[in-house]
Amino acid sequence: HSSPALFDALACASAASIGQFNPQNLANTAWAFATAGHSSPELFDALARASAASIGQFNSQDLANTAWAFATAGHSSPALFDALARASAASIGQFNSQHLANTAWAFA
């Protein structure tokens, strides 16, 4: 069900409280907005900064979902993708087949 007004409100509230988000919250928020196709550049900029700053705490699913979400949304964030690449390479042994496929697609 599409609700642009709700997603606009969620984007504002999320961006304002991004410092309270853990890695799963960051990844899930990016995934939700990308899946919904709701453009929110300010939110994605905040998600990118917060994700890059806490990338060492991301598990394999957080890494894969974040990469997929940013690629799907078409939101460019070179610093985030550099951090995602380093963290993914360092923990590649923990990736399952879905994480591998999503990450490969996001970086293609």
N, C-alpha and C. Protein backbone atom coordinates (compact mmCIF):
# COMPACT_ATOMS: atom_id res chain seq x y z
N HIS A 1 0.84 -1.18 0.00
CA HIS A 1 0.00 0.00 0.00
C HIS A 1 0.89 1.24 0.00
N SER A 2 0.67 2.09 -0.94
CA SER A 2 1.48 3.30 -1.07
C SER A 2 0.93 4.41 -0.18
N SER A 3 1.82 5.05 0.53
CA SER A 3 1.43 6.18 1.38
C SER A 3 2.56 7.20 1.41
N PRO A 4 2.64 8.04 0.37
CA PRO A 4 3.71 9.03 0.30
C PRO A 4 3.79 9.95 1.51
N ALA A 5 2.64 10.36 2.05
CA ALA A 5 2.65 11.26 3.21
C ALA A 5 3.29 10.57 4.41
N LEU A 6 2.97 9.29 4.58
CA LEU A 6 3.56 8.55 5.70
C LEU A 6 5.07 8.44 5.51
N PHE A 7 5.52 8.10 4.29
CA PHE A 7 6.95 7.97 4.05
C PHE A 7 7.68 9.30 4.22
N ASP A 8 7.03 10.40 3.85
CA ASP A 8 7.63 11.72 4.08
C ASP A 8 7.80 11.96 5.58
N ALA A 9 6.79 11.63 6.37
CA ALA A 9 6.86 11.81 7.82
C ALA A 9 7.91 10.89 8.43
N LEU A 10 7.96 9.64 7.96
CA LEU A 10 8.97 8.69 8.44
C LEU A 10 10.37 9.18 8.11
N ALA A 11 10.55 9.74 6.92
CA ALA A 11 11.87 10.24 6.52
C ALA A 11 12.32 11.37 7.43
N CYS A 12 11.44 12.30 7.72
CA CYS A 12 11.80 13.43 8.59
C CYS A 12 12.13 12.95 9.99
N ALA A 13 11.28 12.08 10.54
CA ALA A 13 11.50 11.58 11.90
C ALA A 13 12.76 10.74 11.98
N SER A 14 13.00 9.92 10.97
CA SER A 14 14.19 9.06 10.96
C SER A 14 15.47 9.88 10.86
N ALA A 15 15.48 10.84 9.95
CA ALA A 15 16.66 11.69 9.79
C ALA A 15 16.96 12.45 11.09
N ALA A 16 15.91 12.88 11.78
CA ALA A 16 16.11 13.64 13.02
C ALA A 16 16.65 12.78 14.15
N SER A 17 16.38 11.48 14.12
CA SER A 17 16.81 10.61 15.22
C SER A 17 17.82 9.56 14.77
N ILE A 18 18.49 9.80 13.65
CA ILE A 18 19.40 8.82 13.06
C ILE A 18 20.51 8.39 14.02
N GLY A 19 20.90 9.23 14.92
CA GLY A 19 21.95 8.91 15.88
C GLY A 19 21.56 7.81 16.85
N GLN A 20 20.29 7.53 16.96
CA GLN A 20 19.80 6.48 17.85
C GLN A 20 19.66 5.14 17.14
N PHE A 21 19.88 5.10 15.83
CA PHE A 21 19.68 3.89 15.05
C PHE A 21 20.87 2.95 15.20
N ASN A 22 20.59 1.66 15.36
CA ASN A 22 21.65 0.65 15.33
C ASN A 22 21.82 0.19 13.89
N PRO A 23 22.82 -0.66 13.58
CA PRO A 23 23.03 -1.07 12.20
C PRO A 23 21.81 -1.70 11.53
N GLN A 24 21.07 -2.52 12.26
CA GLN A 24 19.88 -3.14 11.66
C GLN A 24 18.82 -2.08 11.35
N ASN A 25 18.65 -1.10 12.23
CA ASN A 25 17.70 -0.01 11.96
C ASN A 25 18.10 0.76 10.70
N LEU A 26 19.39 1.04 10.56
CA LEU A 26 19.88 1.77 9.38
C LEU A 26 19.61 0.97 8.11
N ALA A 27 19.99 -0.30 8.13
CA ALA A 27 19.81 -1.15 6.95
C ALA A 27 18.34 -1.33 6.61
N ASN A 28 17.51 -1.57 7.62
CA ASN A 28 16.09 -1.80 7.37
C ASN A 28 15.39 -0.55 6.85
N THR A 29 15.79 0.61 7.35
CA THR A 29 15.19 1.86 6.87
C THR A 29 15.56 2.10 5.42
N ALA A 30 16.83 1.92 5.09
CA ALA A 30 17.24 2.08 3.69
C ALA A 30 16.51 1.08 2.80
N TRP A 31 16.41 -0.16 3.26
CA TRP A 31 15.72 -1.20 2.49
C TRP A 31 14.26 -0.82 2.25
N ALA A 32 13.58 -0.36 3.29
CA ALA A 32 12.15 -0.03 3.18
C ALA A 32 11.92 1.09 2.17
N PHE A 33 12.72 2.15 2.26
CA PHE A 33 12.53 3.27 1.33
C PHE A 33 12.88 2.86 -0.10
N ALA A 34 13.92 2.06 -0.27
CA ALA A 34 14.27 1.60 -1.62
C ALA A 34 13.19 0.68 -2.18
N THR A 35 12.69 -0.22 -1.36
CA THR A 35 11.65 -1.15 -1.79
C THR A 35 10.37 -0.41 -2.16
N ALA A 36 10.03 0.61 -1.37
CA ALA A 36 8.84 1.40 -1.65
C ALA A 36 9.02 2.34 -2.84
N GLY A 37 10.26 2.54 -3.25
CA GLY A 37 10.54 3.47 -4.34
C GLY A 37 10.28 4.92 -3.95
N HIS A 38 10.41 5.20 -2.66
CA HIS A 38 10.16 6.55 -2.17
C HIS A 38 11.48 7.31 -2.07
N SER A 39 11.61 8.30 -2.89
CA SER A 39 12.84 9.08 -2.92
C SER A 39 12.90 10.00 -1.71
N SER A 40 14.03 9.95 -1.04
CA SER A 40 14.27 10.84 0.10
C SER A 40 15.77 11.09 0.21
N PRO A 41 16.30 11.95 -0.63
CA PRO A 41 17.74 12.19 -0.65
C PRO A 41 18.32 12.60 0.70
N GLU A 42 17.61 13.44 1.45
CA GLU A 42 18.13 13.88 2.75
C GLU A 42 18.24 12.70 3.72
N LEU A 43 17.23 11.82 3.70
CA LEU A 43 17.29 10.65 4.57
C LEU A 43 18.43 9.73 4.14
N PHE A 44 18.57 9.48 2.84
CA PHE A 44 19.64 8.60 2.38
C PHE A 44 21.02 9.19 2.67
N ASP A 45 21.15 10.51 2.62
CA ASP A 45 22.42 11.14 3.01
C ASP A 45 22.71 10.88 4.49
N ALA A 46 21.69 11.02 5.34
CA ALA A 46 21.86 10.76 6.78
C ALA A 46 22.16 9.30 7.04
N LEU A 47 21.45 8.41 6.34
CA LEU A 47 21.71 6.97 6.48
C LEU A 47 23.13 6.63 6.05
N ALA A 48 23.59 7.24 4.98
CA ALA A 48 24.95 6.97 4.48
C ALA A 48 25.99 7.39 5.50
N ARG A 49 25.84 8.59 6.05
CA ARG A 49 26.81 9.07 7.05
C ARG A 49 26.82 8.17 8.29
N ALA A 50 25.64 7.86 8.80
CA ALA A 50 25.55 7.03 10.01
C ALA A 50 26.04 5.62 9.76
N SER A 51 25.73 5.08 8.59
CA SER A 51 26.17 3.71 8.26
C SER A 51 27.68 3.65 8.11
N ALA A 52 28.26 4.60 7.40
CA ALA A 52 29.72 4.61 7.24
C ALA A 52 30.42 4.74 8.59
N ALA A 53 29.84 5.54 9.48
CA ALA A 53 30.45 5.75 10.79
C ALA A 53 30.40 4.52 11.68
N SER A 54 29.42 3.66 11.47
CA SER A 54 29.26 2.48 12.33
C SER A 54 29.44 1.17 11.57
N ILE A 55 30.08 1.22 10.41
CA ILE A 55 30.19 0.06 9.53
C ILE A 55 30.83 -1.15 10.22
N GLY A 56 31.71 -0.93 11.17
CA GLY A 56 32.36 -2.03 11.87
C GLY A 56 31.40 -2.85 12.73
N GLN A 57 30.23 -2.33 13.00
CA GLN A 57 29.22 -3.03 13.79
C GLN A 57 28.20 -3.76 12.92
N PHE A 58 28.28 -3.61 11.62
CA PHE A 58 27.31 -4.24 10.71
C PHE A 58 27.62 -5.72 10.56
N ASN A 59 26.57 -6.55 10.56
CA ASN A 59 26.75 -7.96 10.24
C ASN A 59 26.59 -8.14 8.74
N SER A 60 26.73 -9.35 8.26
CA SER A 60 26.70 -9.59 6.81
C SER A 60 25.36 -9.19 6.19
N GLN A 61 24.26 -9.43 6.88
CA GLN A 61 22.96 -9.05 6.33
C GLN A 61 22.81 -7.53 6.28
N ASP A 62 23.27 -6.84 7.32
CA ASP A 62 23.21 -5.37 7.30
C ASP A 62 24.02 -4.81 6.13
N LEU A 63 25.21 -5.37 5.92
CA LEU A 63 26.06 -4.91 4.82
C LEU A 63 25.38 -5.13 3.47
N ALA A 64 24.90 -6.35 3.25
CA ALA A 64 24.28 -6.69 1.96
C ALA A 64 23.02 -5.87 1.72
N ASN A 65 22.18 -5.75 2.74
CA ASN A 65 20.93 -5.01 2.57
C ASN A 65 21.16 -3.52 2.35
N THR A 66 22.16 -2.97 3.01
CA THR A 66 22.47 -1.56 2.82
C THR A 66 22.99 -1.31 1.41
N ALA A 67 23.89 -2.15 0.96
CA ALA A 67 24.41 -2.01 -0.41
C ALA A 67 23.28 -2.13 -1.42
N TRP A 68 22.43 -3.14 -1.24
CA TRP A 68 21.31 -3.36 -2.16
C TRP A 68 20.38 -2.15 -2.16
N ALA A 69 20.05 -1.63 -0.97
CA ALA A 69 19.10 -0.53 -0.87
C ALA A 69 19.61 0.73 -1.56
N PHE A 70 20.87 1.07 -1.32
CA PHE A 70 21.42 2.27 -1.95
C PHE A 70 21.52 2.12 -3.47
N ALA A 71 21.88 0.92 -3.93
CA ALA A 71 21.94 0.69 -5.37
C ALA A 71 20.54 0.74 -5.98
N THR A 72 19.58 0.13 -5.32
CA THR A 72 18.20 0.12 -5.81
C THR A 72 17.61 1.52 -5.84
N ALA A 73 17.90 2.29 -4.82
CA ALA A 73 17.39 3.67 -4.76
C ALA A 73 18.13 4.59 -5.72
N GLY A 74 19.28 4.14 -6.22
CA GLY A 74 20.07 4.98 -7.11
C GLY A 74 20.69 6.16 -6.40
N HIS A 75 20.93 6.00 -5.11
CA HIS A 75 21.50 7.10 -4.32
C HIS A 75 23.02 6.91 -4.23
N SER A 76 23.74 7.80 -4.84
CA SER A 76 25.19 7.72 -4.86
C SER A 76 25.78 8.14 -3.52
N SER A 77 26.68 7.29 -3.03
CA SER A 77 27.40 7.61 -1.80
C SER A 77 28.75 6.89 -1.85
N PRO A 78 29.72 7.48 -2.55
CA PRO A 78 31.02 6.83 -2.69
C PRO A 78 31.68 6.46 -1.37
N ALA A 79 31.59 7.34 -0.37
CA ALA A 79 32.22 7.05 0.93
C ALA A 79 31.57 5.83 1.58
N LEU A 80 30.25 5.74 1.50
CA LEU A 80 29.56 4.58 2.06
C LEU A 80 29.95 3.32 1.30
N PHE A 81 29.97 3.37 -0.02
CA PHE A 81 30.30 2.16 -0.79
C PHE A 81 31.75 1.73 -0.57
N ASP A 82 32.65 2.69 -0.35
CA ASP A 82 34.02 2.33 0.02
C ASP A 82 34.04 1.58 1.35
N ALA A 83 33.30 2.10 2.33
CA ALA A 83 33.23 1.44 3.64
C ALA A 83 32.56 0.08 3.53
N LEU A 84 31.48 -0.01 2.75
CA LEU A 84 30.80 -1.29 2.55
C LEU A 84 31.73 -2.31 1.89
N ALA A 85 32.50 -1.87 0.92
CA ALA A 85 33.42 -2.78 0.22
C ALA A 85 34.47 -3.33 1.18
N ARG A 86 35.06 -2.45 1.97
CA ARG A 86 36.08 -2.90 2.93
C ARG A 86 35.49 -3.86 3.97
N ALA A 87 34.36 -3.49 4.54
CA ALA A 87 33.75 -4.32 5.58
C ALA A 87 33.25 -5.65 5.01
N SER A 88 32.72 -5.63 3.81
CA SER A 88 32.24 -6.86 3.18
C SER A 88 33.40 -7.80 2.88
N ALA A 89 34.47 -7.27 2.34
CA ALA A 89 35.64 -8.10 2.04
C ALA A 89 36.20 -8.72 3.31
N ALA A 90 36.21 -7.95 4.40
CA ALA A 90 36.76 -8.44 5.66
C ALA A 90 35.91 -9.52 6.31
N SER A 91 34.62 -9.54 6.00
CA SER A 91 33.73 -10.52 6.63
C SER A 91 33.05 -11.44 5.62
N ILE A 92 33.64 -11.58 4.44
CA ILE A 92 33.01 -12.34 3.36
C ILE A 92 32.72 -13.79 3.75
N GLY A 93 33.49 -14.36 4.67
CA GLY A 93 33.26 -15.73 5.10
C GLY A 93 31.94 -15.91 5.86
N GLN A 94 31.36 -14.82 6.31
CA GLN A 94 30.10 -14.88 7.04
C GLN A 94 28.89 -14.67 6.13
N PHE A 95 29.12 -14.37 4.86
CA PHE A 95 28.04 -14.10 3.92
C PHE A 95 27.41 -15.42 3.45
N ASN A 96 26.07 -15.46 3.43
CA ASN A 96 25.41 -16.61 2.82
C ASN A 96 25.21 -16.30 1.34
N SER A 97 24.61 -17.21 0.61
CA SER A 97 24.49 -17.03 -0.84
C SER A 97 23.67 -15.80 -1.20
N GLN A 98 22.63 -15.50 -0.44
CA GLN A 98 21.81 -14.31 -0.73
C GLN A 98 22.60 -13.03 -0.49
N HIS A 99 23.38 -13.00 0.59
CA HIS A 99 24.21 -11.82 0.87
C HIS A 99 25.23 -11.61 -0.25
N LEU A 100 25.83 -12.71 -0.70
CA LEU A 100 26.82 -12.62 -1.78
C LEU A 100 26.18 -12.08 -3.05
N ALA A 101 25.01 -12.63 -3.41
CA ALA A 101 24.33 -12.21 -4.63
C ALA A 101 23.89 -10.75 -4.56
N ASN A 102 23.31 -10.35 -3.44
CA ASN A 102 22.85 -8.96 -3.31
C ASN A 102 24.00 -7.97 -3.34
N THR A 103 25.09 -8.34 -2.70
CA THR A 103 26.25 -7.45 -2.67
C THR A 103 26.88 -7.35 -4.06
N ALA A 104 27.01 -8.47 -4.73
CA ALA A 104 27.56 -8.45 -6.09
C ALA A 104 26.69 -7.58 -7.00
N TRP A 105 25.38 -7.75 -6.90
CA TRP A 105 24.47 -6.95 -7.74
C TRP A 105 24.62 -5.46 -7.42
N ALA A 106 24.69 -5.11 -6.14
CA ALA A 106 24.77 -3.71 -5.74
C ALA A 106 26.03 -3.03 -6.25
N PHE A 107 27.12 -3.79 -6.34
CA PHE A 107 28.39 -3.21 -6.78
C PHE A 107 28.61 -3.34 -8.29
N ALA A 108 27.69 -4.00 -8.99
CA ALA A 108 27.84 -4.21 -10.45
C ALA A 108 27.62 -2.91 -11.22
